[in-house]
Amino acid sequence: MRRVSVVGVPGAGKTAVARRLSVSLGVPLVELDSIFHQPGWAELPREEFRHRVAEVTTADGWVVDGNYSAVRDLVWARADMVVWLDLPRGLVMRRIVARTVRRALRREQLWNGNREPISNFYRLDPTKNIIRWTWVKYGEYVDRYEAAMRDPAYAHLTFVRLRSPQDVEAFVFNPAR
């Protein structure tokens, strides 16, 4: 296991798990959000995004943090393992609300100088409100990754589905299991 894709809904803990795996495996961490989200929340054009992800995933080892369908084919073609954080919806929702409030109130800098604006709490559009996005898209993520696990195109991948914080901790402490 040297090329790992960590996926799951927002708030599942992808970045924390990916960071820990990156350190324990001694390979670079690739945060897809940091590539995609440019200053001022501008989105990197699709072809440039694909080009940059293709470049970083040519390495012998890496841990990719993120769910972008625009680059999934590139990442998964080169990965040997997909770690799916499939935590209960209630837990994920508590986490995403707490994280979003913390980031907005503390004005935490995210990728390329971006910060989550407090005004996003009031937006009804899920593409502008990560809390609503997580609620609305939760079932789609489950369907997507369950289908991927059955898809012969991904037979080369080892899928690890972690359904509880205890599963996550056990895996992170012994990822080769």
N, C-alpha and C. Protein backbone atom coordinates (compact mmCIF):
# COMPACT_ATOMS: atom_id res chain seq x y z
N MET A 1 0.85 -1.18 0.00
CA MET A 1 0.00 0.00 0.00
C MET A 1 0.89 1.23 0.00
N ARG A 2 0.95 1.90 -1.16
CA ARG A 2 1.77 3.10 -1.28
C ARG A 2 1.00 4.24 -1.94
N ARG A 3 -0.16 3.93 -2.54
CA ARG A 3 -0.96 4.95 -3.21
C ARG A 3 -2.40 4.80 -2.74
N VAL A 4 -2.81 5.71 -1.88
CA VAL A 4 -4.09 5.58 -1.17
C VAL A 4 -4.98 6.78 -1.47
N SER A 5 -6.24 6.51 -1.78
CA SER A 5 -7.25 7.55 -1.96
C SER A 5 -8.18 7.49 -0.75
N VAL A 6 -8.33 8.61 -0.06
CA VAL A 6 -9.21 8.69 1.11
C VAL A 6 -10.45 9.48 0.70
N VAL A 7 -11.63 8.85 0.81
CA VAL A 7 -12.87 9.46 0.36
C VAL A 7 -13.92 9.40 1.47
N GLY A 8 -14.98 10.19 1.28
CA GLY A 8 -16.09 10.23 2.23
C GLY A 8 -16.75 11.59 2.16
N VAL A 9 -17.89 11.71 2.81
CA VAL A 9 -18.60 12.99 2.81
C VAL A 9 -17.80 14.04 3.57
N PRO A 10 -18.11 15.33 3.32
CA PRO A 10 -17.47 16.38 4.14
C PRO A 10 -17.77 16.13 5.62
N GLY A 11 -16.76 16.32 6.45
CA GLY A 11 -16.93 16.14 7.88
C GLY A 11 -16.64 14.73 8.37
N ALA A 12 -16.36 13.81 7.46
CA ALA A 12 -16.09 12.42 7.86
C ALA A 12 -14.70 12.27 8.48
N GLY A 13 -13.81 13.20 8.18
CA GLY A 13 -12.45 13.12 8.73
C GLY A 13 -11.40 12.75 7.71
N LYS A 14 -11.69 12.97 6.43
CA LYS A 14 -10.76 12.60 5.36
C LYS A 14 -9.37 13.21 5.55
N THR A 15 -9.33 14.51 5.80
CA THR A 15 -8.04 15.18 5.89
C THR A 15 -7.24 14.68 7.08
N ALA A 16 -7.88 14.50 8.22
CA ALA A 16 -7.16 13.99 9.40
C ALA A 16 -6.61 12.59 9.14
N VAL A 17 -7.42 11.73 8.56
CA VAL A 17 -6.98 10.36 8.27
C VAL A 17 -5.88 10.38 7.21
N ALA A 18 -6.06 11.18 6.16
CA ALA A 18 -5.06 11.24 5.10
C ALA A 18 -3.72 11.75 5.64
N ARG A 19 -3.76 12.73 6.51
CA ARG A 19 -2.51 13.24 7.10
C ARG A 19 -1.80 12.14 7.89
N ARG A 20 -2.55 11.44 8.70
CA ARG A 20 -1.95 10.38 9.52
C ARG A 20 -1.39 9.25 8.65
N LEU A 21 -2.11 8.88 7.62
CA LEU A 21 -1.62 7.83 6.72
C LEU A 21 -0.37 8.29 5.97
N SER A 22 -0.37 9.53 5.54
CA SER A 22 0.78 10.09 4.84
C SER A 22 2.04 9.99 5.69
N VAL A 23 1.91 10.35 6.96
CA VAL A 23 3.06 10.28 7.87
C VAL A 23 3.47 8.83 8.11
N SER A 24 2.49 7.97 8.41
CA SER A 24 2.85 6.58 8.74
C SER A 24 3.42 5.82 7.54
N LEU A 25 2.99 6.17 6.33
CA LEU A 25 3.51 5.51 5.13
C LEU A 25 4.76 6.20 4.58
N GLY A 26 5.02 7.42 5.05
CA GLY A 26 6.18 8.17 4.56
C GLY A 26 6.04 8.61 3.12
N VAL A 27 4.81 8.99 2.75
CA VAL A 27 4.53 9.44 1.38
C VAL A 27 3.86 10.81 1.43
N PRO A 28 3.91 11.57 0.32
CA PRO A 28 3.30 12.89 0.31
C PRO A 28 1.78 12.85 0.44
N LEU A 29 1.24 13.90 1.05
CA LEU A 29 -0.21 14.11 1.12
C LEU A 29 -0.60 15.02 -0.03
N VAL A 30 -1.64 14.64 -0.76
CA VAL A 30 -2.18 15.45 -1.84
C VAL A 30 -3.60 15.83 -1.46
N GLU A 31 -3.82 17.10 -1.13
CA GLU A 31 -5.16 17.60 -0.80
C GLU A 31 -5.79 18.15 -2.07
N LEU A 32 -6.78 17.46 -2.60
CA LEU A 32 -7.42 17.91 -3.83
C LEU A 32 -8.03 19.30 -3.68
N ASP A 33 -8.57 19.61 -2.49
CA ASP A 33 -9.14 20.94 -2.28
C ASP A 33 -8.10 22.04 -2.49
N SER A 34 -6.86 21.79 -2.08
CA SER A 34 -5.83 22.82 -2.20
C SER A 34 -5.41 23.03 -3.65
N ILE A 35 -5.63 22.03 -4.48
CA ILE A 35 -5.34 22.18 -5.91
C ILE A 35 -6.51 22.87 -6.60
N PHE A 36 -7.72 22.45 -6.28
CA PHE A 36 -8.92 22.93 -6.97
C PHE A 36 -9.31 24.36 -6.60
N HIS A 37 -9.28 24.69 -5.31
CA HIS A 37 -9.73 26.01 -4.84
C HIS A 37 -8.59 27.02 -4.91
N GLN A 38 -8.71 27.92 -5.85
CA GLN A 38 -7.72 28.97 -6.04
C GLN A 38 -8.09 30.19 -5.19
N PRO A 39 -7.21 31.19 -5.10
CA PRO A 39 -7.54 32.39 -4.31
C PRO A 39 -8.91 32.96 -4.70
N GLY A 40 -9.63 33.45 -3.69
CA GLY A 40 -10.96 34.01 -3.91
C GLY A 40 -11.99 32.95 -4.26
N TRP A 41 -11.73 31.72 -3.88
CA TRP A 41 -12.58 30.57 -4.15
C TRP A 41 -12.77 30.31 -5.64
N ALA A 42 -11.89 30.86 -6.48
CA ALA A 42 -11.97 30.56 -7.91
C ALA A 42 -11.67 29.07 -8.10
N GLU A 43 -12.39 28.45 -9.02
CA GLU A 43 -12.19 27.03 -9.29
C GLU A 43 -11.18 26.87 -10.42
N LEU A 44 -10.22 26.00 -10.22
CA LEU A 44 -9.25 25.70 -11.26
C LEU A 44 -9.99 25.06 -12.43
N PRO A 45 -9.73 25.50 -13.66
CA PRO A 45 -10.40 24.89 -14.80
C PRO A 45 -10.16 23.37 -14.83
N ARG A 46 -11.16 22.65 -15.28
CA ARG A 46 -11.15 21.18 -15.24
C ARG A 46 -9.88 20.57 -15.84
N GLU A 47 -9.49 21.00 -17.01
CA GLU A 47 -8.32 20.39 -17.66
C GLU A 47 -7.04 20.68 -16.89
N GLU A 48 -6.92 21.88 -16.33
CA GLU A 48 -5.73 22.20 -15.53
C GLU A 48 -5.74 21.38 -14.23
N PHE A 49 -6.92 21.22 -13.64
CA PHE A 49 -7.06 20.40 -12.43
C PHE A 49 -6.61 18.97 -12.74
N ARG A 50 -7.10 18.42 -13.82
CA ARG A 50 -6.73 17.06 -14.20
C ARG A 50 -5.22 16.95 -14.45
N HIS A 51 -4.66 17.95 -15.11
CA HIS A 51 -3.23 17.95 -15.40
C HIS A 51 -2.41 17.93 -14.10
N ARG A 52 -2.77 18.80 -13.17
CA ARG A 52 -2.01 18.87 -11.91
C ARG A 52 -2.14 17.58 -11.09
N VAL A 53 -3.34 17.03 -11.06
CA VAL A 53 -3.53 15.77 -10.32
C VAL A 53 -2.77 14.64 -11.01
N ALA A 54 -2.79 14.61 -12.33
CA ALA A 54 -2.04 13.58 -13.06
C ALA A 54 -0.56 13.68 -12.72
N GLU A 55 -0.04 14.89 -12.62
CA GLU A 55 1.38 15.07 -12.30
C GLU A 55 1.72 14.52 -10.91
N VAL A 56 0.93 14.89 -9.91
CA VAL A 56 1.28 14.48 -8.54
C VAL A 56 1.05 13.00 -8.29
N THR A 57 0.18 12.38 -9.07
CA THR A 57 -0.09 10.96 -8.84
C THR A 57 0.81 10.04 -9.66
N THR A 58 1.78 10.60 -10.36
CA THR A 58 2.77 9.75 -11.04
C THR A 58 3.84 9.26 -10.08
N ALA A 59 3.90 9.83 -8.89
CA ALA A 59 4.89 9.43 -7.89
C ALA A 59 4.64 7.99 -7.44
N ASP A 60 5.67 7.39 -6.85
CA ASP A 60 5.57 6.01 -6.37
C ASP A 60 4.64 5.85 -5.18
N GLY A 61 4.47 6.91 -4.42
CA GLY A 61 3.61 6.83 -3.25
C GLY A 61 2.96 8.16 -2.95
N TRP A 62 1.74 8.12 -2.43
CA TRP A 62 1.00 9.32 -2.05
C TRP A 62 -0.27 8.90 -1.33
N VAL A 63 -0.85 9.87 -0.63
CA VAL A 63 -2.19 9.72 -0.07
C VAL A 63 -2.99 10.90 -0.60
N VAL A 64 -4.05 10.62 -1.35
CA VAL A 64 -4.91 11.66 -1.91
C VAL A 64 -6.13 11.81 -1.02
N ASP A 65 -6.40 13.05 -0.63
CA ASP A 65 -7.54 13.40 0.21
C ASP A 65 -8.56 14.12 -0.65
N GLY A 66 -9.70 13.48 -0.93
CA GLY A 66 -10.75 14.18 -1.67
C GLY A 66 -11.58 13.28 -2.56
N ASN A 67 -12.73 13.84 -2.99
CA ASN A 67 -13.77 13.10 -3.71
C ASN A 67 -14.06 13.59 -5.12
N TYR A 68 -13.22 14.34 -5.73
CA TYR A 68 -13.57 15.00 -6.99
C TYR A 68 -13.78 14.01 -8.13
N SER A 69 -15.01 13.97 -8.65
CA SER A 69 -15.31 13.05 -9.75
C SER A 69 -14.52 13.41 -11.00
N ALA A 70 -14.13 14.67 -11.15
CA ALA A 70 -13.38 15.11 -12.33
C ALA A 70 -12.01 14.44 -12.43
N VAL A 71 -11.49 13.93 -11.31
CA VAL A 71 -10.16 13.31 -11.33
C VAL A 71 -10.16 11.89 -10.75
N ARG A 72 -11.32 11.38 -10.39
CA ARG A 72 -11.38 10.05 -9.78
C ARG A 72 -10.74 9.00 -10.68
N ASP A 73 -11.00 9.08 -11.98
CA ASP A 73 -10.42 8.09 -12.89
C ASP A 73 -8.89 8.11 -12.84
N LEU A 74 -8.30 9.28 -12.75
CA LEU A 74 -6.83 9.40 -12.69
C LEU A 74 -6.29 8.83 -11.38
N VAL A 75 -6.92 9.24 -10.29
CA VAL A 75 -6.44 8.83 -8.96
C VAL A 75 -6.62 7.32 -8.78
N TRP A 76 -7.81 6.82 -9.06
CA TRP A 76 -8.08 5.41 -8.80
C TRP A 76 -7.35 4.48 -9.77
N ALA A 77 -7.04 4.94 -10.98
CA ALA A 77 -6.26 4.11 -11.90
C ALA A 77 -4.86 3.85 -11.36
N ARG A 78 -4.35 4.79 -10.57
CA ARG A 78 -2.99 4.68 -10.04
C ARG A 78 -2.95 4.24 -8.58
N ALA A 79 -4.10 4.25 -7.93
CA ALA A 79 -4.14 3.89 -6.50
C ALA A 79 -4.08 2.37 -6.34
N ASP A 80 -3.70 1.96 -5.13
CA ASP A 80 -3.82 0.54 -4.81
C ASP A 80 -4.84 0.31 -3.69
N MET A 81 -5.26 1.40 -3.03
CA MET A 81 -6.25 1.28 -1.96
C MET A 81 -7.14 2.52 -1.93
N VAL A 82 -8.43 2.28 -1.64
CA VAL A 82 -9.38 3.36 -1.38
C VAL A 82 -9.88 3.17 0.04
N VAL A 83 -9.71 4.19 0.86
CA VAL A 83 -10.22 4.18 2.23
C VAL A 83 -11.47 5.05 2.23
N TRP A 84 -12.61 4.41 2.48
CA TRP A 84 -13.90 5.12 2.48
C TRP A 84 -14.34 5.32 3.92
N LEU A 85 -14.43 6.58 4.31
CA LEU A 85 -14.92 6.92 5.65
C LEU A 85 -16.43 7.04 5.56
N ASP A 86 -17.12 5.98 5.90
CA ASP A 86 -18.58 5.88 5.80
C ASP A 86 -19.18 5.94 7.20
N LEU A 87 -19.04 7.09 7.81
CA LEU A 87 -19.50 7.26 9.19
C LEU A 87 -20.98 7.61 9.23
N PRO A 88 -21.65 7.37 10.37
CA PRO A 88 -23.08 7.66 10.47
C PRO A 88 -23.40 9.13 10.19
N ARG A 89 -24.54 9.33 9.54
CA ARG A 89 -24.95 10.68 9.14
C ARG A 89 -25.00 11.64 10.33
N GLY A 90 -25.55 11.23 11.45
CA GLY A 90 -25.64 12.12 12.62
C GLY A 90 -24.28 12.59 13.09
N LEU A 91 -23.32 11.69 13.15
CA LEU A 91 -21.96 12.05 13.56
C LEU A 91 -21.33 13.01 12.56
N VAL A 92 -21.47 12.72 11.29
CA VAL A 92 -20.89 13.57 10.25
C VAL A 92 -21.52 14.97 10.31
N MET A 93 -22.83 15.04 10.52
CA MET A 93 -23.49 16.34 10.57
C MET A 93 -23.02 17.15 11.77
N ARG A 94 -22.87 16.51 12.92
CA ARG A 94 -22.33 17.23 14.09
C ARG A 94 -20.94 17.77 13.79
N ARG A 95 -20.12 16.95 13.16
CA ARG A 95 -18.76 17.36 12.83
C ARG A 95 -18.72 18.51 11.83
N ILE A 96 -19.55 18.42 10.78
CA ILE A 96 -19.48 19.45 9.74
C ILE A 96 -20.01 20.78 10.27
N VAL A 97 -21.03 20.74 11.12
CA VAL A 97 -21.52 21.99 11.72
C VAL A 97 -20.44 22.59 12.62
N ALA A 98 -19.86 21.79 13.49
CA ALA A 98 -18.82 22.29 14.41
C ALA A 98 -17.63 22.83 13.63
N ARG A 99 -17.19 22.10 12.62
CA ARG A 99 -16.03 22.55 11.82
C ARG A 99 -16.32 23.85 11.10
N THR A 100 -17.50 23.95 10.50
CA THR A 100 -17.85 25.13 9.73
C THR A 100 -17.98 26.35 10.64
N VAL A 101 -18.63 26.19 11.79
CA VAL A 101 -18.75 27.29 12.75
C VAL A 101 -17.36 27.72 13.22
N ARG A 102 -16.54 26.76 13.59
CA ARG A 102 -15.18 27.08 14.06
C ARG A 102 -14.39 27.84 13.00
N ARG A 103 -14.41 27.35 11.79
CA ARG A 103 -13.66 28.01 10.71
C ARG A 103 -14.16 29.42 10.46
N ALA A 104 -15.47 29.60 10.46
CA ALA A 104 -16.03 30.92 10.18
C ALA A 104 -15.73 31.90 11.32
N LEU A 105 -15.94 31.47 12.56
CA LEU A 105 -15.73 32.37 13.70
C LEU A 105 -14.26 32.71 13.91
N ARG A 106 -13.40 31.75 13.71
CA ARG A 106 -11.96 31.98 13.90
C ARG A 106 -11.29 32.54 12.65
N ARG A 107 -12.07 32.62 11.57
CA ARG A 107 -11.54 33.11 10.30
C ARG A 107 -10.32 32.30 9.87
N GLU A 108 -10.41 30.98 10.03
CA GLU A 108 -9.30 30.10 9.69
C GLU A 108 -9.02 30.14 8.19
N GLN A 109 -7.75 30.25 7.88
CA GLN A 109 -7.36 30.23 6.48
C GLN A 109 -7.33 28.80 5.98
N LEU A 110 -7.97 28.58 4.85
CA LEU A 110 -8.01 27.25 4.26
C LEU A 110 -7.00 27.20 3.11
N TRP A 111 -7.41 26.89 1.94
CA TRP A 111 -6.52 26.72 0.80
C TRP A 111 -6.36 28.03 0.06
N ASN A 112 -5.12 28.36 -0.24
CA ASN A 112 -4.80 29.53 -1.06
C ASN A 112 -5.42 30.82 -0.53
N GLY A 113 -5.43 30.96 0.79
CA GLY A 113 -5.91 32.18 1.42
C GLY A 113 -7.41 32.27 1.61
N ASN A 114 -8.14 31.25 1.23
CA ASN A 114 -9.60 31.27 1.35
C ASN A 114 -10.05 31.05 2.79
N ARG A 115 -11.19 31.63 3.11
CA ARG A 115 -11.82 31.47 4.42
C ARG A 115 -13.31 31.21 4.19
N GLU A 116 -13.90 30.43 5.08
CA GLU A 116 -15.34 30.18 4.96
C GLU A 116 -16.10 31.38 5.49
N PRO A 117 -16.90 32.03 4.65
CA PRO A 117 -17.66 33.18 5.13
C PRO A 117 -18.86 32.75 5.98
N ILE A 118 -19.11 33.50 7.03
CA ILE A 118 -20.25 33.20 7.92
C ILE A 118 -21.57 33.28 7.15
N SER A 119 -21.61 34.09 6.09
CA SER A 119 -22.84 34.24 5.30
C SER A 119 -23.27 32.93 4.65
N ASN A 120 -22.36 31.99 4.48
CA ASN A 120 -22.74 30.72 3.87
C ASN A 120 -23.73 29.92 4.71
N PHE A 121 -23.79 30.21 6.02
CA PHE A 121 -24.76 29.52 6.88
C PHE A 121 -26.20 29.78 6.44
N TYR A 122 -26.44 30.93 5.85
CA TYR A 122 -27.80 31.34 5.53
C TYR A 122 -28.20 31.01 4.10
N ARG A 123 -27.30 30.47 3.35
CA ARG A 123 -27.60 30.15 1.95
C ARG A 123 -28.35 28.83 1.86
N LEU A 124 -29.37 28.82 1.01
CA LEU A 124 -30.14 27.60 0.81
C LEU A 124 -29.52 26.70 -0.25
N ASP A 125 -28.72 27.29 -1.13
CA ASP A 125 -28.07 26.55 -2.21
C ASP A 125 -26.99 25.65 -1.63
N PRO A 126 -27.14 24.32 -1.75
CA PRO A 126 -26.14 23.42 -1.18
C PRO A 126 -24.73 23.63 -1.73
N THR A 127 -24.60 24.17 -2.95
CA THR A 127 -23.26 24.40 -3.49
C THR A 127 -22.57 25.57 -2.81
N LYS A 128 -23.31 26.35 -2.03
CA LYS A 128 -22.74 27.49 -1.29
C LYS A 128 -22.76 27.27 0.22
N ASN A 129 -23.30 26.14 0.66
CA ASN A 129 -23.45 25.87 2.09
C ASN A 129 -23.02 24.42 2.34
N ILE A 130 -21.83 24.24 2.87
CA ILE A 130 -21.27 22.89 3.04
C ILE A 130 -22.11 22.02 3.98
N ILE A 131 -22.81 22.65 4.91
CA ILE A 131 -23.66 21.88 5.83
C ILE A 131 -24.84 21.29 5.05
N ARG A 132 -25.49 22.12 4.25
CA ARG A 132 -26.61 21.63 3.43
C ARG A 132 -26.13 20.61 2.40
N TRP A 133 -24.95 20.88 1.81
CA TRP A 133 -24.38 19.94 0.83
C TRP A 133 -24.22 18.56 1.46
N THR A 134 -23.66 18.53 2.65
CA THR A 134 -23.41 17.25 3.32
C THR A 134 -24.72 16.51 3.58
N TRP A 135 -25.73 17.23 4.04
CA TRP A 135 -27.02 16.60 4.31
C TRP A 135 -27.65 16.06 3.03
N VAL A 136 -27.67 16.89 1.99
CA VAL A 136 -28.33 16.53 0.73
C VAL A 136 -27.60 15.40 0.00
N LYS A 137 -26.28 15.42 0.03
CA LYS A 137 -25.48 14.49 -0.77
C LYS A 137 -25.09 13.20 -0.05
N TYR A 138 -25.36 13.09 1.23
CA TYR A 138 -24.91 11.94 2.02
C TYR A 138 -25.26 10.61 1.34
N GLY A 139 -26.52 10.43 0.99
CA GLY A 139 -26.96 9.18 0.37
C GLY A 139 -26.30 8.92 -0.98
N GLU A 140 -26.05 9.99 -1.73
CA GLU A 140 -25.38 9.83 -3.03
C GLU A 140 -23.96 9.29 -2.86
N TYR A 141 -23.27 9.76 -1.82
CA TYR A 141 -21.92 9.26 -1.56
C TYR A 141 -21.97 7.76 -1.25
N VAL A 142 -22.91 7.36 -0.43
CA VAL A 142 -23.04 5.93 -0.08
C VAL A 142 -23.29 5.12 -1.35
N ASP A 143 -24.25 5.55 -2.16
CA ASP A 143 -24.56 4.83 -3.40
C ASP A 143 -23.33 4.76 -4.32
N ARG A 144 -22.62 5.87 -4.46
CA ARG A 144 -21.47 5.95 -5.36
C ARG A 144 -20.38 4.96 -4.95
N TYR A 145 -20.04 4.95 -3.66
CA TYR A 145 -18.93 4.10 -3.24
C TYR A 145 -19.33 2.63 -3.10
N GLU A 146 -20.59 2.36 -2.78
CA GLU A 146 -21.03 0.96 -2.80
C GLU A 146 -20.97 0.41 -4.22
N ALA A 147 -21.39 1.23 -5.20
CA ALA A 147 -21.32 0.80 -6.60
C ALA A 147 -19.87 0.61 -7.04
N ALA A 148 -19.01 1.50 -6.63
CA ALA A 148 -17.59 1.40 -7.01
C ALA A 148 -16.96 0.12 -6.47
N MET A 149 -17.35 -0.26 -5.27
CA MET A 149 -16.79 -1.48 -4.67
C MET A 149 -17.16 -2.73 -5.47
N ARG A 150 -18.29 -2.67 -6.18
CA ARG A 150 -18.75 -3.81 -6.99
C ARG A 150 -18.28 -3.74 -8.44
N ASP A 151 -17.76 -2.58 -8.84
CA ASP A 151 -17.41 -2.33 -10.24
C ASP A 151 -16.13 -3.07 -10.63
N PRO A 152 -16.19 -3.94 -11.65
CA PRO A 152 -14.98 -4.67 -12.07
C PRO A 152 -13.85 -3.75 -12.53
N ALA A 153 -14.17 -2.53 -12.93
CA ALA A 153 -13.13 -1.59 -13.35
C ALA A 153 -12.19 -1.25 -12.20
N TYR A 154 -12.66 -1.47 -10.97
CA TYR A 154 -11.85 -1.14 -9.79
C TYR A 154 -11.38 -2.39 -9.06
N ALA A 155 -11.34 -3.52 -9.76
CA ALA A 155 -10.94 -4.78 -9.13
C ALA A 155 -9.50 -4.74 -8.61
N HIS A 156 -8.69 -3.86 -9.16
CA HIS A 156 -7.28 -3.75 -8.72
C HIS A 156 -7.15 -3.05 -7.37
N LEU A 157 -8.22 -2.42 -6.92
CA LEU A 157 -8.18 -1.65 -5.67
C LEU A 157 -8.59 -2.49 -4.48
N THR A 158 -7.96 -2.23 -3.36
CA THR A 158 -8.42 -2.75 -2.08
C THR A 158 -9.29 -1.67 -1.48
N PHE A 159 -10.56 -1.96 -1.24
CA PHE A 159 -11.46 -1.00 -0.61
C PHE A 159 -11.51 -1.29 0.89
N VAL A 160 -11.35 -0.24 1.67
CA VAL A 160 -11.47 -0.35 3.12
C VAL A 160 -12.59 0.60 3.52
N ARG A 161 -13.70 0.04 4.01
CA ARG A 161 -14.87 0.82 4.40
C ARG A 161 -14.89 0.91 5.92
N LEU A 162 -14.73 2.13 6.42
CA LEU A 162 -14.68 2.36 7.86
C LEU A 162 -15.98 3.03 8.29
N ARG A 163 -16.72 2.38 9.19
CA ARG A 163 -18.08 2.82 9.53
C ARG A 163 -18.22 3.45 10.91
N SER A 164 -17.14 3.54 11.66
CA SER A 164 -17.23 4.14 13.00
C SER A 164 -15.90 4.78 13.34
N PRO A 165 -15.90 5.70 14.31
CA PRO A 165 -14.62 6.26 14.75
C PRO A 165 -13.66 5.18 15.25
N GLN A 166 -14.20 4.12 15.85
CA GLN A 166 -13.36 3.02 16.32
C GLN A 166 -12.70 2.30 15.14
N ASP A 167 -13.46 2.08 14.07
CA ASP A 167 -12.89 1.48 12.86
C ASP A 167 -11.76 2.35 12.30
N VAL A 168 -12.00 3.66 12.29
CA VAL A 168 -11.00 4.59 11.77
C VAL A 168 -9.72 4.51 12.59
N GLU A 169 -9.85 4.57 13.90
CA GLU A 169 -8.66 4.52 14.77
C GLU A 169 -7.91 3.21 14.60
N ALA A 170 -8.63 2.11 14.56
CA ALA A 170 -7.98 0.80 14.40
C ALA A 170 -7.23 0.74 13.07
N PHE A 171 -7.83 1.26 12.02
CA PHE A 171 -7.18 1.23 10.72
C PHE A 171 -5.95 2.14 10.68
N VAL A 172 -6.08 3.34 11.17
CA VAL A 172 -4.96 4.29 11.11
C VAL A 172 -3.76 3.76 11.89
N PHE A 173 -4.01 3.06 12.99
CA PHE A 173 -2.90 2.51 13.76
C PHE A 173 -2.32 1.25 13.12
N ASN A 174 -3.09 0.60 12.22
CA ASN A 174 -2.60 -0.60 11.55
C ASN A 174 -3.14 -0.65 10.12
N PRO A 175 -2.68 0.26 9.24
CA PRO A 175 -3.27 0.35 7.90
C PRO A 175 -3.00 -0.86 7.01
N ALA A 176 -2.03 -1.68 7.34
CA ALA A 176 -1.69 -2.83 6.49
C ALA A 176 -2.56 -4.05 6.77
N ARG A 177 -3.51 -3.92 7.68
CA ARG A 177 -4.32 -5.09 8.08
C ARG A 177 -5.00 -5.78 6.95
